[in-house]
């Protein structure tokens, strides 16, 4: 995927677009916080402003579609649980696909569903929904990257590499691959680097996008330990990334421009010594 080289990116929630453009080669457009919606209504004028801002910069982009956000500041109108989708949720996802096509995004990151009853029923509902969405993504020339979630939250699907790959295999679409999130995998592996290395090896050639952030590998008071800290602030030995058979965007999913700079330094030194 991508141009056959490592590209360092950052999420748009880290800073403003102009500031990020000075630091990284790619920006992941985080839909819930870009101010493109009024309630659950997409404001076309705001999309146009975003498109104009991006077209002058020539920066690469990916997109993070709406998902089931459990933080108090996540906009409730933009909640999407891929295991339980109705008309409104399909419309939100289709709008993200359409915007991604319009803005020239290479990958759209989506979250797996939530377990709200019998696990297998929720899993198969998610697979059916992802199949429908992948058809639409393919029509727009978009690839979905289904993200692995943190195993510290018992309501998450697709935490283990086995279930993550099973979902991709069951959907069976060339337009659905994996987004590898190293922070989530570290929580699933309990901070054990040997297990994390095996997790990464298990993904094989399925990865089209990567999320980079740090944590302590254990459940915490907030967000099940999913701190989204700058690399070096948690317990991850990022040299395990050398196991990842993927060249493309390594997206720093952190909260500040300082953390982006720290992450960028870490990734650059990793590849210099590879």
Protein backbone atom coordinates (compact mmCIF):
# COMPACT_ATOMS: atom_id res chain seq x y z
CA UNK A 1 0.00 0.00 0.00
CA UNK A 2 1.14 3.57 -0.53
CA UNK A 3 4.31 4.56 -2.32
CA UNK A 4 6.51 1.76 -1.04
CA UNK A 5 8.11 3.82 1.71
CA UNK A 6 7.37 4.80 5.28
CA UNK A 7 5.32 7.98 5.56
CA UNK A 8 4.87 9.75 8.89
CA UNK A 9 1.43 11.21 9.49
CA UNK A 10 -0.60 12.61 12.38
CA UNK A 11 -4.22 12.83 13.38
CA UNK A 12 -5.99 16.16 12.89
CA UNK A 13 -6.92 16.16 16.58
CA UNK A 14 -3.25 16.82 17.46
CA UNK A 15 -3.23 20.36 16.07
CA UNK A 16 -4.40 22.70 13.31
CA UNK A 17 -3.93 21.61 9.68
CA UNK A 18 -1.34 24.34 8.86
CA UNK A 19 0.76 23.41 11.90
CA UNK A 20 0.58 19.68 11.10
CA UNK A 21 1.56 20.32 7.48
CA UNK A 22 4.90 21.69 8.71
CA UNK A 23 5.62 18.52 10.68
CA UNK A 24 4.28 15.52 8.75
CA UNK A 25 3.62 14.25 5.24
CA UNK A 26 0.12 12.97 5.86
CA UNK A 27 -2.89 14.00 7.95
CA UNK A 28 -5.60 11.67 9.18
CA UNK A 29 -8.84 13.65 9.07
CA UNK A 30 -10.66 12.80 12.27
CA UNK A 31 -14.29 13.32 11.24
CA UNK A 32 -15.94 13.62 14.70
CA UNK A 33 -13.84 16.69 15.60
CA UNK A 34 -13.41 18.56 12.31
CA UNK A 35 -16.55 20.64 12.77
CA UNK A 36 -18.06 19.39 9.50
CA UNK A 37 -21.38 18.51 11.13
CA UNK A 38 -24.13 20.56 12.69
CA UNK A 39 -25.72 17.90 14.91
CA UNK A 40 -25.88 14.96 12.51
CA UNK A 41 -26.21 17.11 9.40
CA UNK A 42 -23.19 17.46 7.12
CA UNK A 43 -22.51 21.11 6.27
CA UNK A 44 -21.40 21.15 2.62
CA UNK A 45 -19.83 24.59 2.92
CA UNK A 46 -17.47 23.35 5.65
CA UNK A 47 -16.46 20.35 3.54
CA UNK A 48 -15.68 22.73 0.67
CA UNK A 49 -13.52 24.90 2.99
CA UNK A 50 -11.62 21.80 4.12
CA UNK A 51 -11.15 20.66 0.53
CA UNK A 52 -9.80 24.09 -0.47
CA UNK A 53 -7.41 24.14 2.51
CA UNK A 54 -6.07 20.69 1.63
CA UNK A 55 -5.85 21.21 -2.14
CA UNK A 56 -3.44 24.15 -1.77
CA UNK A 57 -1.11 22.15 0.48
CA UNK A 58 -0.80 18.96 -1.58
CA UNK A 59 -0.51 16.93 1.66
CA UNK A 60 -1.52 13.26 1.71
CA UNK A 61 -4.67 12.42 3.64
CA UNK A 62 -6.46 9.51 5.24
CA UNK A 63 -9.71 9.65 7.21
CA UNK A 64 -11.06 8.36 10.51
CA UNK A 65 -14.78 7.69 10.12
CA UNK A 66 -17.30 8.16 12.96
CA UNK A 67 -17.34 5.34 15.51
CA UNK A 68 -18.75 4.42 18.91
CA UNK A 69 -16.97 6.99 21.10
CA UNK A 70 -17.23 6.52 24.83
CA UNK A 71 -15.49 9.74 25.89
CA UNK A 72 -17.84 12.46 27.22
CA UNK A 73 -16.80 14.96 24.52
CA UNK A 74 -17.56 12.63 21.62
CA UNK A 75 -20.56 14.03 19.66
CA UNK A 76 -23.45 11.68 20.38
CA UNK A 77 -25.06 12.38 16.95
CA UNK A 78 -22.00 10.88 15.25
CA UNK A 79 -22.01 7.55 17.11
CA UNK A 80 -21.60 4.52 14.84
CA UNK A 81 -21.39 0.97 16.14
CA UNK A 82 -20.63 -1.19 13.09
CA UNK A 83 -22.32 -4.22 14.71
CA UNK A 84 -25.62 -2.32 15.14
CA UNK A 85 -26.30 0.01 12.24
CA UNK A 86 -29.54 1.62 11.18
CA UNK A 87 -30.30 4.07 8.39
CA UNK A 88 -28.72 7.06 10.18
CA UNK A 89 -25.43 5.19 10.80
CA UNK A 90 -25.23 3.99 7.18
CA UNK A 91 -25.76 7.57 6.04
CA UNK A 92 -22.92 8.82 8.27
CA UNK A 93 -20.55 6.16 6.95
CA UNK A 94 -21.56 6.79 3.35
CA UNK A 95 -20.90 10.50 3.87
CA UNK A 96 -17.40 9.68 5.12
CA UNK A 97 -16.78 7.48 2.07
CA UNK A 98 -18.01 10.25 -0.23
CA UNK A 99 -15.87 12.89 1.49
CA UNK A 100 -12.82 10.61 1.43
CA UNK A 101 -13.26 10.20 -2.33
CA UNK A 102 -13.67 13.95 -2.79
CA UNK A 103 -10.66 14.81 -0.61
CA UNK A 104 -8.38 12.19 -2.16
CA UNK A 105 -7.94 10.09 1.00
CA UNK A 106 -6.24 6.76 0.44
CA UNK A 107 -7.64 4.91 3.47
CA UNK A 108 -10.69 5.31 5.70
CA UNK A 109 -10.20 3.93 9.21
CA UNK A 110 -13.25 2.26 10.73
CA UNK A 111 -13.85 0.65 14.10
CA UNK A 112 -15.17 -2.84 14.69
CA UNK A 113 -18.50 -3.22 16.49
CA UNK A 114 -19.47 -3.56 20.13
CA UNK A 115 -20.64 -6.68 21.95
CA UNK A 116 -24.10 -5.92 23.33
CA UNK A 117 -25.48 -9.45 23.56
CA UNK A 118 -24.39 -12.73 22.06
CA UNK A 119 -20.85 -12.23 20.75
CA UNK A 120 -21.18 -14.26 17.53
CA UNK A 121 -24.45 -12.53 16.57
CA UNK A 122 -22.81 -9.12 17.02
CA UNK A 123 -19.76 -10.29 15.08
CA UNK A 124 -21.81 -11.53 12.11
CA UNK A 125 -23.96 -8.36 12.11
CA UNK A 126 -20.73 -6.37 11.88
CA UNK A 127 -19.48 -8.55 9.01
CA UNK A 128 -22.74 -8.02 7.07
CA UNK A 129 -22.56 -4.25 7.60
CA UNK A 130 -18.88 -4.07 6.65
CA UNK A 131 -19.62 -6.04 3.48
CA UNK A 132 -22.23 -3.48 2.40
CA UNK A 133 -19.97 -0.56 3.27
CA UNK A 134 -16.97 -2.11 1.46
CA UNK A 135 -18.98 -2.26 -1.77
CA UNK A 136 -19.63 1.47 -1.49
CA UNK A 137 -15.98 2.16 -0.62
CA UNK A 138 -14.84 0.21 -3.69
CA UNK A 139 -17.13 2.31 -5.90
CA UNK A 140 -15.35 5.45 -4.62
CA UNK A 141 -11.85 4.00 -4.92
CA UNK A 142 -11.43 3.89 -1.13
CA UNK A 143 -9.91 1.17 1.02
CA UNK A 144 -11.23 0.60 4.52
CA UNK A 145 -8.76 -0.12 7.31
CA UNK A 146 -10.56 -2.02 10.08
CA UNK A 147 -8.83 -1.18 13.35
CA UNK A 148 -7.91 -3.66 16.08
CA UNK A 149 -9.34 -2.53 19.44
CA UNK A 150 -8.03 -2.76 23.00
CA UNK A 151 -8.75 -6.01 24.79
CA UNK A 152 -8.97 -4.22 28.15
CA UNK A 153 -12.53 -3.19 27.19
CA UNK A 154 -14.64 -6.39 27.26
CA UNK A 155 -17.29 -4.89 24.95
CA UNK A 156 -14.91 -4.62 21.96
CA UNK A 157 -14.84 -6.94 18.97
CA UNK A 158 -11.60 -7.52 16.98
CA UNK A 159 -9.07 -7.19 19.80
CA UNK A 160 -7.08 -10.34 19.06
CA UNK A 161 -5.25 -10.79 15.79
CA UNK A 162 -7.35 -13.95 15.17
CA UNK A 163 -10.72 -12.18 15.40
CA UNK A 164 -9.42 -9.14 13.51
CA UNK A 165 -8.28 -11.33 10.61
CA UNK A 166 -11.43 -13.44 10.79
CA UNK A 167 -13.56 -10.31 10.27
CA UNK A 168 -11.50 -9.31 7.22
CA UNK A 169 -11.67 -12.84 5.82
CA UNK A 170 -15.45 -13.13 6.36
CA UNK A 171 -16.14 -9.77 4.68
CA UNK A 172 -13.97 -11.03 1.82
CA UNK A 173 -13.60 -7.72 -0.01
CA UNK A 174 -10.48 -6.30 -1.67
CA UNK A 175 -11.61 -2.97 -0.20
CA UNK A 176 -11.39 -4.01 3.47
CA UNK A 177 -7.98 -4.53 5.10
CA UNK A 178 -6.47 -3.83 8.53
CA UNK A 179 -5.47 -0.67 10.36
CA UNK A 180 -2.86 -1.81 12.87
CA UNK A 181 -3.09 0.14 16.14
CA UNK A 182 0.00 -0.59 18.22
CA UNK A 183 -1.41 1.06 21.37
CA UNK A 184 -4.54 -1.10 21.30
CA UNK A 185 -2.47 -4.22 20.56
CA UNK A 186 -0.19 -3.44 23.51
CA UNK A 187 -3.23 -3.36 25.84
CA UNK A 188 -4.55 -6.62 24.38
CA UNK A 189 -1.10 -8.20 24.89
CA UNK A 190 -0.86 -6.91 28.48
CA UNK A 191 2.33 -4.98 27.74
CA UNK A 192 4.18 -8.20 26.79
CA UNK A 193 6.54 -7.40 23.89
CA UNK A 194 6.92 -11.04 22.84
CA UNK A 195 3.12 -11.30 22.44
CA UNK A 196 3.01 -7.93 20.66
CA UNK A 197 5.68 -9.11 18.23
CA UNK A 198 3.63 -12.24 17.51
CA UNK A 199 0.49 -10.13 17.06
CA UNK A 200 2.26 -8.01 14.42
CA UNK A 201 3.66 -11.07 12.63
CA UNK A 202 0.17 -12.59 12.61
CA UNK A 203 -1.19 -9.65 10.61
CA UNK A 204 0.96 -10.62 7.64
CA UNK A 205 0.20 -8.63 4.50
CA UNK A 206 -3.21 -7.37 5.62
CA UNK A 207 -2.18 -3.92 6.89
CA UNK A 208 -2.99 -0.73 4.93
CA UNK A 209 -2.54 1.85 7.70
CA UNK A 210 -0.93 2.11 11.15
CA UNK A 211 -1.78 4.05 14.30
CA UNK A 212 1.12 4.94 16.58
CA UNK A 213 0.74 5.94 20.25
CA UNK A 214 1.91 4.67 23.63
CA UNK A 215 0.42 3.33 26.89
CA UNK A 216 1.40 1.15 29.84
CA UNK A 217 -0.12 -2.08 28.54
CA UNK A 218 -2.68 -2.31 31.33
CA UNK A 219 -6.17 -1.20 32.20
CA UNK A 220 -6.28 2.30 33.70
CA UNK A 221 -8.79 4.62 35.25
CA UNK A 222 -9.59 6.25 31.92
CA UNK A 223 -10.48 4.66 28.58
CA UNK A 224 -9.35 1.18 29.66
CA UNK A 225 -5.71 2.32 29.72
CA UNK A 226 -5.84 3.68 26.15
CA UNK A 227 -3.80 6.82 26.88
CA UNK A 228 -2.80 7.82 23.33
CA UNK A 229 0.47 9.09 24.82
CA UNK A 230 3.55 10.13 22.86
CA UNK A 231 5.94 7.26 22.07
CA UNK A 232 8.33 6.90 25.01
CA UNK A 233 5.75 7.81 27.66
CA UNK A 234 4.48 4.25 28.05
CA UNK A 235 5.86 0.73 27.98
CA UNK A 236 5.97 -0.06 24.24
CA UNK A 237 9.30 -1.00 22.67
CA UNK A 238 8.59 0.45 19.24
CA UNK A 239 11.35 -1.59 17.60
CA UNK A 240 8.63 -4.29 17.28
CA UNK A 241 7.33 -2.18 14.36
CA UNK A 242 10.17 -3.63 12.29
CA UNK A 243 8.08 -6.82 12.19
CA UNK A 244 5.25 -4.99 10.40
CA UNK A 245 5.10 -5.93 6.73
CA UNK A 246 3.78 -2.57 5.66
CA UNK A 247 5.08 0.54 3.98
CA UNK A 248 2.72 3.48 3.95
CA UNK A 249 1.32 5.89 6.53
CA UNK A 250 2.35 5.51 10.17
CA UNK A 251 -0.14 7.87 11.73
CA UNK A 252 0.68 9.40 15.13
CA UNK A 253 -2.60 9.29 17.04
CA UNK A 254 -1.59 11.69 19.80
CA UNK A 255 -3.06 14.85 21.32
CA UNK A 256 -0.53 17.64 20.77
CA UNK A 257 2.01 18.96 18.28
CA UNK A 258 4.78 18.31 20.85
CA UNK A 259 3.74 14.65 20.96
CA UNK A 260 3.74 14.55 17.15
CA UNK A 261 7.33 15.83 17.15
CA UNK A 262 8.40 13.25 19.74
CA UNK A 263 6.73 10.46 17.78
CA UNK A 264 8.27 11.60 14.53
CA UNK A 265 11.74 11.54 16.08
CA UNK A 266 11.17 8.01 17.37
CA UNK A 267 9.92 6.69 14.00
CA UNK A 268 12.78 8.33 12.09
CA UNK A 269 15.43 6.88 14.40
CA UNK A 270 13.76 3.46 14.16
CA UNK A 271 14.06 3.42 10.38
CA UNK A 272 17.59 4.82 10.36
CA UNK A 273 18.72 1.90 12.51
CA UNK A 274 16.63 -0.72 10.76
